[in-house]
PDB file of all heavy atoms in Angstrom:
ATOM      1  N   HIS A   1       0.828  -1.205   0.000  1.00  0.00           N
ATOM      2  CA  HIS A   1       0.000   0.000   0.000  1.00  0.00           C
ATOM      3  C   HIS A   1       0.867   1.262   0.000  1.00  0.00           C
ATOM      4  O   HIS A   1       2.061   1.211   0.304  1.00  0.00           O
ATOM      5  CB  HIS A   1      -0.953   0.017   1.197  1.00  0.00           C
ATOM      6  CG  HIS A   1      -0.261   0.182   2.516  1.00  0.00           C
ATOM      7  ND1 HIS A   1       0.245  -0.889   3.228  1.00  0.00           N
ATOM      8  CD2 HIS A   1       0.038   1.296   3.238  1.00  0.00           C
ATOM      9  CE1 HIS A   1       0.806  -0.448   4.338  1.00  0.00           C
ATOM     10  NE2 HIS A   1       0.705   0.877   4.374  1.00  0.00           N
ATOM     11  N   ILE A   2       0.235   2.370  -0.359  1.00  0.00           N
ATOM     12  CA  ILE A   2       0.868   3.685  -0.334  1.00  0.00           C
ATOM     13  C   ILE A   2       0.041   4.585   0.576  1.00  0.00           C
ATOM     14  O   ILE A   2      -1.179   4.668   0.426  1.00  0.00           O
ATOM     15  CB  ILE A   2       0.931   4.302  -1.747  1.00  0.00           C
ATOM     16  CG1 ILE A   2       1.708   3.394  -2.702  1.00  0.00           C
ATOM     17  CG2 ILE A   2       1.551   5.691  -1.709  1.00  0.00           C
ATOM     18  CD1 ILE A   2       1.605   3.830  -4.158  1.00  0.00           C
ATOM     19  N   THR A   3       0.698   5.237   1.512  1.00  0.00           N
ATOM     20  CA  THR A   3       0.018   6.167   2.411  1.00  0.00           C
ATOM     21  C   THR A   3       0.368   7.599   2.014  1.00  0.00           C
ATOM     22  O   THR A   3       1.542   7.945   1.875  1.00  0.00           O
ATOM     23  CB  THR A   3       0.419   5.937   3.871  1.00  0.00           C
ATOM     24  OG1 THR A   3       0.131   4.580   4.230  1.00  0.00           O
ATOM     25  CG2 THR A   3      -0.354   6.867   4.799  1.00  0.00           C
ATOM     26  N   VAL A   4      -0.659   8.418   1.820  1.00  0.00           N
ATOM     27  CA  VAL A   4      -0.481   9.818   1.440  1.00  0.00           C
ATOM     28  C   VAL A   4      -0.995  10.697   2.579  1.00  0.00           C
ATOM     29  O   VAL A   4      -2.137  10.548   3.023  1.00  0.00           O
ATOM     30  CB  VAL A   4      -1.241  10.149   0.138  1.00  0.00           C
ATOM     31  CG1 VAL A   4      -1.017  11.608  -0.251  1.00  0.00           C
ATOM     32  CG2 VAL A   4      -0.803   9.228  -0.991  1.00  0.00           C
ATOM     33  N   MET A   5      -0.142  11.606   3.065  1.00  0.00           N
ATOM     34  CA  MET A   5      -0.503  12.490   4.181  1.00  0.00           C
ATOM     35  C   MET A   5      -0.279  13.940   3.781  1.00  0.00           C
ATOM     36  O   MET A   5       0.750  14.280   3.179  1.00  0.00           O
ATOM     37  CB  MET A   5       0.352  12.159   5.408  1.00  0.00           C
ATOM     38  CG  MET A   5       0.154  10.732   5.939  1.00  0.00           C
ATOM     39  SD  MET A   5       1.504  10.194   7.008  1.00  0.00           S
ATOM     40  CE  MET A   5       2.770   9.837   5.767  1.00  0.00           C
ATOM     41  N   TRP A   6      -1.236  14.804   4.119  1.00  0.00           N
ATOM     42  CA  TRP A   6      -1.113  16.230   3.804  1.00  0.00           C
ATOM     43  C   TRP A   6      -1.674  17.064   4.954  1.00  0.00           C
ATOM     44  O   TRP A   6      -2.819  17.486   4.922  1.00  0.00           O
ATOM     45  CB  TRP A   6      -1.834  16.549   2.501  1.00  0.00           C
ATOM     46  CG  TRP A   6      -1.484  17.904   1.938  1.00  0.00           C
ATOM     47  CD1 TRP A   6      -0.537  18.766   2.387  1.00  0.00           C
ATOM     48  CD2 TRP A   6      -2.080  18.539   0.802  1.00  0.00           C
ATOM     49  NE1 TRP A   6      -0.487  19.900   1.620  1.00  0.00           N
ATOM     50  CE2 TRP A   6      -1.424  19.786   0.628  1.00  0.00           C
ATOM     51  CE3 TRP A   6      -3.081  18.179  -0.080  1.00  0.00           C
ATOM     52  CZ2 TRP A   6      -1.767  20.664  -0.389  1.00  0.00           C
ATOM     53  CZ3 TRP A   6      -3.425  19.053  -1.094  1.00  0.00           C
ATOM     54  CH2 TRP A   6      -2.769  20.286  -1.253  1.00  0.00           C
ATOM     55  N   ASP A   7      -0.856  17.309   5.936  1.00  0.00           N
ATOM     56  CA  ASP A   7      -1.229  18.133   7.083  1.00  0.00           C
ATOM     57  C   ASP A   7      -2.600  17.722   7.640  1.00  0.00           C
ATOM     58  O   ASP A   7      -3.048  16.596   7.469  1.00  0.00           O
ATOM     59  CB  ASP A   7      -1.249  19.617   6.699  1.00  0.00           C
ATOM     60  CG  ASP A   7       0.126  20.141   6.333  1.00  0.00           C
ATOM     61  OD1 ASP A   7       1.107  19.507   6.746  1.00  0.00           O
ATOM     62  OD2 ASP A   7       0.204  21.172   5.639  1.00  0.00           O
ATOM     63  N   ASP A   8      -3.263  18.683   8.253  1.00  0.00           N
ATOM     64  CA  ASP A   8      -4.604  18.450   8.772  1.00  0.00           C
ATOM     65  C   ASP A   8      -5.597  19.186   7.874  1.00  0.00           C
ATOM     66  O   ASP A   8      -6.257  20.143   8.273  1.00  0.00           O
ATOM     67  CB  ASP A   8      -4.708  18.941  10.221  1.00  0.00           C
ATOM     68  CG  ASP A   8      -6.083  18.652  10.821  1.00  0.00           C
ATOM     69  OD1 ASP A   8      -6.739  17.707  10.340  1.00  0.00           O
ATOM     70  OD2 ASP A   8      -6.489  19.381  11.741  1.00  0.00           O
ATOM     71  N   ARG A   9      -5.688  18.735   6.643  1.00  0.00           N
ATOM     72  CA  ARG A   9      -6.574  19.426   5.709  1.00  0.00           C
ATOM     73  C   ARG A   9      -7.388  18.415   4.903  1.00  0.00           C
ATOM     74  O   ARG A   9      -7.073  17.239   4.832  1.00  0.00           O
ATOM     75  CB  ARG A   9      -5.792  20.337   4.771  1.00  0.00           C
ATOM     76  CG  ARG A   9      -4.963  19.614   3.712  1.00  0.00           C
ATOM     77  CD  ARG A   9      -4.242  20.596   2.827  1.00  0.00           C
ATOM     78  NE  ARG A   9      -3.052  21.129   3.459  1.00  0.00           N
ATOM     79  CZ  ARG A   9      -2.395  22.196   3.023  1.00  0.00           C
ATOM     80  NH1 ARG A   9      -2.829  22.856   1.957  1.00  0.00           N
ATOM     81  NH2 ARG A   9      -1.311  22.620   3.636  1.00  0.00           N
ATOM     82  N   GLN A  10      -8.419  18.909   4.257  1.00  0.00           N
ATOM     83  CA  GLN A  10      -9.276  18.068   3.422  1.00  0.00           C
ATOM     84  C   GLN A  10      -8.838  18.223   1.976  1.00  0.00           C
ATOM     85  O   GLN A  10      -8.574  19.330   1.507  1.00  0.00           O
ATOM     86  CB  GLN A  10     -10.739  18.482   3.582  1.00  0.00           C
ATOM     87  CG  GLN A  10     -11.732  17.615   2.801  1.00  0.00           C
ATOM     88  CD  GLN A  10     -13.166  17.963   3.138  1.00  0.00           C
ATOM     89  OE1 GLN A  10     -13.572  17.945   4.291  1.00  0.00           O
ATOM     90  NE2 GLN A  10     -13.941  18.301   2.113  1.00  0.00           N
ATOM     91  N   PHE A  11      -8.766  17.098   1.263  1.00  0.00           N
ATOM     92  CA  PHE A  11      -8.309  17.179  -0.125  1.00  0.00           C
ATOM     93  C   PHE A  11      -8.896  16.038  -0.952  1.00  0.00           C
ATOM     94  O   PHE A  11      -9.389  15.043  -0.420  1.00  0.00           O
ATOM     95  CB  PHE A  11      -6.772  17.142  -0.182  1.00  0.00           C
ATOM     96  CG  PHE A  11      -6.139  15.917   0.434  1.00  0.00           C
ATOM     97  CD1 PHE A  11      -5.883  14.772  -0.324  1.00  0.00           C
ATOM     98  CD2 PHE A  11      -5.791  15.896   1.779  1.00  0.00           C
ATOM     99  CE1 PHE A  11      -5.296  13.644   0.238  1.00  0.00           C
ATOM    100  CE2 PHE A  11      -5.203  14.769   2.362  1.00  0.00           C
ATOM    101  CZ  PHE A  11      -4.958  13.654   1.580  1.00  0.00           C
ATOM    102  N   ASP A  12      -8.830  16.209  -2.272  1.00  0.00           N
ATOM    103  CA  ASP A  12      -9.182  15.154  -3.222  1.00  0.00           C
ATOM    104  C   ASP A  12      -7.891  14.556  -3.761  1.00  0.00           C
ATOM    105  O   ASP A  12      -6.883  15.249  -3.902  1.00  0.00           O
ATOM    106  CB  ASP A  12     -10.005  15.721  -4.391  1.00  0.00           C
ATOM    107  CG  ASP A  12     -11.337  16.294  -3.954  1.00  0.00           C
ATOM    108  OD1 ASP A  12     -11.819  15.902  -2.872  1.00  0.00           O
ATOM    109  OD2 ASP A  12     -11.882  17.140  -4.689  1.00  0.00           O
ATOM    110  N   LEU A  13      -7.935  13.265  -4.079  1.00  0.00           N
ATOM    111  CA  LEU A  13      -6.749  12.563  -4.580  1.00  0.00           C
ATOM    112  C   LEU A  13      -7.072  11.848  -5.882  1.00  0.00           C
ATOM    113  O   LEU A  13      -8.140  11.241  -6.021  1.00  0.00           O
ATOM    114  CB  LEU A  13      -6.253  11.563  -3.540  1.00  0.00           C
ATOM    115  CG  LEU A  13      -5.060  10.660  -3.923  1.00  0.00           C
ATOM    116  CD1 LEU A  13      -4.212  10.353  -2.696  1.00  0.00           C
ATOM    117  CD2 LEU A  13      -5.525   9.343  -4.561  1.00  0.00           C
ATOM    118  N   LYS A  14      -6.121  11.932  -6.828  1.00  0.00           N
ATOM    119  CA  LYS A  14      -6.217  11.169  -8.069  1.00  0.00           C
ATOM    120  C   LYS A  14      -4.911  10.425  -8.292  1.00  0.00           C
ATOM    121  O   LYS A  14      -3.829  11.008  -8.114  1.00  0.00           O
ATOM    122  CB  LYS A  14      -6.495  12.077  -9.269  1.00  0.00           C
ATOM    123  CG  LYS A  14      -7.869  12.727  -9.270  1.00  0.00           C
ATOM    124  CD  LYS A  14      -8.050  13.623 -10.500  1.00  0.00           C
ATOM    125  CE  LYS A  14      -9.416  14.302 -10.487  1.00  0.00           C
ATOM    126  NZ  LYS A  14      -9.583  15.196 -11.657  1.00  0.00           N
ATOM    127  N   LEU A  15      -5.007   9.162  -8.687  1.00  0.00           N
ATOM    128  CA  LEU A  15      -3.849   8.376  -9.092  1.00  0.00           C
ATOM    129  C   LEU A  15      -3.871   8.294 -10.606  1.00  0.00           C
ATOM    130  O   LEU A  15      -4.847   7.811 -11.198  1.00  0.00           O
ATOM    131  CB  LEU A  15      -3.887   6.976  -8.471  1.00  0.00           C
ATOM    132  CG  LEU A  15      -2.724   6.047  -8.859  1.00  0.00           C
ATOM    133  CD1 LEU A  15      -1.413   6.561  -8.279  1.00  0.00           C
ATOM    134  CD2 LEU A  15      -3.003   4.615  -8.408  1.00  0.00           C
ATOM    135  N   ILE A  16      -2.787   8.761 -11.259  1.00  0.00           N
ATOM    136  CA  ILE A  16      -2.755   8.888 -12.715  1.00  0.00           C
ATOM    137  C   ILE A  16      -1.565   8.108 -13.259  1.00  0.00           C
ATOM    138  O   ILE A  16      -0.459   8.174 -12.708  1.00  0.00           O
ATOM    139  CB  ILE A  16      -2.622  10.375 -13.120  1.00  0.00           C
ATOM    140  CG1 ILE A  16      -3.760  11.192 -12.495  1.00  0.00           C
ATOM    141  CG2 ILE A  16      -2.617  10.541 -14.635  1.00  0.00           C
ATOM    142  CD1 ILE A  16      -3.578  12.679 -12.626  1.00  0.00           C
ATOM    143  N   ASN A  17      -1.784   7.361 -14.347  1.00  0.00           N
ATOM    144  CA  ASN A  17      -0.663   6.634 -14.949  1.00  0.00           C
ATOM    145  C   ASN A  17       0.076   7.529 -15.939  1.00  0.00           C
ATOM    146  O   ASN A  17      -0.298   8.690 -16.168  1.00  0.00           O
ATOM    147  CB  ASN A  17      -1.136   5.334 -15.607  1.00  0.00           C
ATOM    148  CG  ASN A  17      -2.062   5.560 -16.793  1.00  0.00           C
ATOM    149  OD1 ASN A  17      -2.168   6.667 -17.319  1.00  0.00           O
ATOM    150  ND2 ASN A  17      -2.747   4.519 -17.213  1.00  0.00           N
ATOM    151  N   SER A  18       1.137   7.018 -16.545  1.00  0.00           N
ATOM    152  CA  SER A  18       1.980   7.831 -17.428  1.00  0.00           C
ATOM    153  C   SER A  18       1.279   8.215 -18.721  1.00  0.00           C
ATOM    154  O   SER A  18       1.746   9.086 -19.449  1.00  0.00           O
ATOM    155  CB  SER A  18       3.281   7.085 -17.749  1.00  0.00           C
ATOM    156  OG  SER A  18       2.996   5.857 -18.403  1.00  0.00           O
ATOM    157  N   ALA A  19       0.148   7.564 -19.013  1.00  0.00           N
ATOM    158  CA  ALA A  19      -0.638   7.925 -20.196  1.00  0.00           C
ATOM    159  C   ALA A  19      -1.647   9.017 -19.901  1.00  0.00           C
ATOM    160  O   ALA A  19      -2.369   9.471 -20.785  1.00  0.00           O
ATOM    161  CB  ALA A  19      -1.363   6.693 -20.741  1.00  0.00           C
ATOM    162  N   GLY A  20      -1.710   9.442 -18.625  1.00  0.00           N
ATOM    163  CA  GLY A  20      -2.643  10.487 -18.247  1.00  0.00           C
ATOM    164  C   GLY A  20      -4.010   9.981 -17.838  1.00  0.00           C
ATOM    165  O   GLY A  20      -4.922  10.780 -17.596  1.00  0.00           O
ATOM    166  N   ASP A  21      -4.177   8.652 -17.741  1.00  0.00           N
ATOM    167  CA  ASP A  21      -5.462   8.078 -17.347  1.00  0.00           C
ATOM    168  C   ASP A  21      -5.609   8.101 -15.822  1.00  0.00           C
ATOM    169  O   ASP A  21      -4.669   7.782 -15.086  1.00  0.00           O
ATOM    170  CB  ASP A  21      -5.584   6.635 -17.838  1.00  0.00           C
ATOM    171  CG  ASP A  21      -5.481   6.525 -19.348  1.00  0.00           C
ATOM    172  OD1 ASP A  21      -6.113   7.355 -20.026  1.00  0.00           O
ATOM    173  OD2 ASP A  21      -4.772   5.634 -19.845  1.00  0.00           O
ATOM    174  N   ILE A  22      -6.789   8.460 -15.354  1.00  0.00           N
ATOM    175  CA  ILE A  22      -7.075   8.460 -13.919  1.00  0.00           C
ATOM    176  C   ILE A  22      -7.481   7.046 -13.510  1.00  0.00           C
ATOM    177  O   ILE A  22      -8.512   6.529 -13.932  1.00  0.00           O
ATOM    178  CB  ILE A  22      -8.190   9.460 -13.582  1.00  0.00           C
ATOM    179  CG1 ILE A  22      -7.755  10.879 -13.962  1.00  0.00           C
ATOM    180  CG2 ILE A  22      -8.540   9.390 -12.095  1.00  0.00           C
ATOM    181  CD1 ILE A  22      -8.853  11.914 -13.826  1.00  0.00           C
ATOM    182  N   LEU A  23      -6.662   6.413 -12.684  1.00  0.00           N
ATOM    183  CA  LEU A  23      -6.903   5.031 -12.272  1.00  0.00           C
ATOM    184  C   LEU A  23      -7.699   4.953 -10.974  1.00  0.00           C
ATOM    185  O   LEU A  23      -8.398   3.966 -10.735  1.00  0.00           O
ATOM    186  CB  LEU A  23      -5.572   4.295 -12.090  1.00  0.00           C
ATOM    187  CG  LEU A  23      -4.619   4.290 -13.283  1.00  0.00           C
ATOM    188  CD1 LEU A  23      -3.363   3.498 -12.945  1.00  0.00           C
ATOM    189  CD2 LEU A  23      -5.300   3.732 -14.521  1.00  0.00           C
ATOM    190  N   LEU A  24      -7.574   5.975 -10.147  1.00  0.00           N
ATOM    191  CA  LEU A  24      -8.238   5.959  -8.840  1.00  0.00           C
ATOM    192  C   LEU A  24      -8.522   7.384  -8.418  1.00  0.00           C
ATOM    193  O   LEU A  24      -7.705   8.276  -8.632  1.00  0.00           O
ATOM    194  CB  LEU A  24      -7.333   5.277  -7.796  1.00  0.00           C
ATOM    195  CG  LEU A  24      -7.813   5.297  -6.338  1.00  0.00           C
ATOM    196  CD1 LEU A  24      -9.033   4.393  -6.174  1.00  0.00           C
ATOM    197  CD2 LEU A  24      -6.693   4.855  -5.398  1.00  0.00           C
ATOM    198  N   GLN A  25      -9.678   7.612  -7.838  1.00  0.00           N
ATOM    199  CA  GLN A  25     -10.020   8.940  -7.340  1.00  0.00           C
ATOM    200  C   GLN A  25     -10.701   8.821  -5.991  1.00  0.00           C
ATOM    201  O   GLN A  25     -11.611   8.015  -5.815  1.00  0.00           O
ATOM    202  CB  GLN A  25     -10.934   9.671  -8.331  1.00  0.00           C
ATOM    203  CG  GLN A  25     -11.307  11.086  -7.890  1.00  0.00           C
ATOM    204  CD  GLN A  25     -11.914  11.901  -9.011  1.00  0.00           C
ATOM    205  OE1 GLN A  25     -11.728  11.589 -10.194  1.00  0.00           O
ATOM    206  NE2 GLN A  25     -12.628  12.949  -8.668  1.00  0.00           N
ATOM    207  N   LYS A  26     -10.234   9.594  -5.025  1.00  0.00           N
ATOM    208  CA  LYS A  26     -10.837   9.640  -3.692  1.00  0.00           C
ATOM    209  C   LYS A  26     -11.107  11.102  -3.355  1.00  0.00           C
ATOM    210  O   LYS A  26     -10.210  11.940  -3.437  1.00  0.00           O
ATOM    211  CB  LYS A  26      -9.912   9.009  -2.648  1.00  0.00           C
ATOM    212  CG  LYS A  26      -9.755   7.489  -2.796  1.00  0.00           C
ATOM    213  CD  LYS A  26      -8.853   6.919  -1.711  1.00  0.00           C
ATOM    214  CE  LYS A  26      -8.732   5.410  -1.810  1.00  0.00           C
ATOM    215  NZ  LYS A  26      -9.986   4.725  -1.452  1.00  0.00           N
ATOM    216  N   ASN A  27     -12.329  11.407  -2.973  1.00  0.00           N
ATOM    217  CA  ASN A  27     -12.738  12.775  -2.704  1.00  0.00           C
ATOM    218  C   ASN A  27     -12.936  13.022  -1.215  1.00  0.00           C
ATOM    219  O   ASN A  27     -13.279  12.109  -0.450  1.00  0.00           O
ATOM    220  CB  ASN A  27     -14.034  13.103  -3.454  1.00  0.00           C
ATOM    221  CG  ASN A  27     -13.858  13.051  -4.955  1.00  0.00           C
ATOM    222  OD1 ASN A  27     -12.795  13.388  -5.486  1.00  0.00           O
ATOM    223  ND2 ASN A  27     -14.883  12.616  -5.665  1.00  0.00           N
ATOM    224  N   SER A  28     -12.709  14.267  -0.806  1.00  0.00           N
ATOM    225  CA  SER A  28     -12.960  14.729   0.567  1.00  0.00           C
ATOM    226  C   SER A  28     -12.238  13.887   1.606  1.00  0.00           C
ATOM    227  O   SER A  28     -12.811  13.462   2.610  1.00  0.00           O
ATOM    228  CB  SER A  28     -14.473  14.753   0.842  1.00  0.00           C
ATOM    229  OG  SER A  28     -15.138  15.599  -0.062  1.00  0.00           O
ATOM    230  N   VAL A  29     -10.960  13.645   1.353  1.00  0.00           N
ATOM    231  CA  VAL A  29     -10.116  12.905   2.289  1.00  0.00           C
ATOM    232  C   VAL A  29      -9.615  13.875   3.361  1.00  0.00           C
ATOM    233  O   VAL A  29      -9.308  15.021   3.073  1.00  0.00           O
ATOM    234  CB  VAL A  29      -8.915  12.273   1.550  1.00  0.00           C
ATOM    235  CG1 VAL A  29      -7.953  11.629   2.535  1.00  0.00           C
ATOM    236  CG2 VAL A  29      -9.406  11.258   0.537  1.00  0.00           C
ATOM    237  N   ARG A  30      -9.512  13.409   4.592  1.00  0.00           N
ATOM    238  CA  ARG A  30      -9.009  14.262   5.662  1.00  0.00           C
ATOM    239  C   ARG A  30      -7.646  13.753   6.135  1.00  0.00           C
ATOM    240  O   ARG A  30      -7.517  12.636   6.598  1.00  0.00           O
ATOM    241  CB  ARG A  30      -9.991  14.282   6.839  1.00  0.00           C
ATOM    242  CG  ARG A  30      -9.473  14.945   8.110  1.00  0.00           C
ATOM    243  CD  ARG A  30      -9.259  16.451   7.918  1.00  0.00           C
ATOM    244  NE  ARG A  30     -10.494  17.179   7.758  1.00  0.00           N
ATOM    245  CZ  ARG A  30     -10.582  18.493   7.621  1.00  0.00           C
ATOM    246  NH1 ARG A  30      -9.451  19.203   7.589  1.00  0.00           N
ATOM    247  NH2 ARG A  30     -11.738  19.100   7.458  1.00  0.00           N
ATOM    248  N   SER A  31      -6.620  14.546   5.940  1.00  0.00           N
ATOM    249  CA  SER A  31      -5.272  14.332   6.471  1.00  0.00           C
ATOM    250  C   SER A  31      -4.503  13.182   5.830  1.00  0.00           C
ATOM    251  O   SER A  31      -3.351  13.327   5.421  1.00  0.00           O
ATOM    252  CB  SER A  31      -5.300  14.124   7.985  1.00  0.00           C
ATOM    253  OG  SER A  31      -5.863  15.233   8.629  1.00  0.00           O
ATOM    254  N   GLU A  32      -5.126  12.015   5.748  1.00  0.00           N
ATOM    255  CA  GLU A  32      -4.375  10.833   5.341  1.00  0.00           C
ATOM    256  C   GLU A  32      -5.265   9.862   4.578  1.00  0.00           C
ATOM    257  O   GLU A  32      -6.450   9.717   4.867  1.00  0.00           O
ATOM    258  CB  GLU A  32      -3.814  10.141   6.592  1.00  0.00           C
ATOM    259  CG  GLU A  32      -3.011   8.880   6.321  1.00  0.00           C
ATOM    260  CD  GLU A  32      -2.477   8.272   7.608  1.00  0.00           C
ATOM    261  OE1 GLU A  32      -1.912   9.028   8.428  1.00  0.00           O
ATOM    262  OE2 GLU A  32      -2.616   7.036   7.794  1.00  0.00           O
TER     263      GLU A  32
END
């Protein structure tokens, strides 16, 4: 697994491959 942390804030995350395709999207994530 990969853990992504960004302070204590709310954010959206996208995982994109080298072709520019969005493989995974998570919205309204808090902190981690």
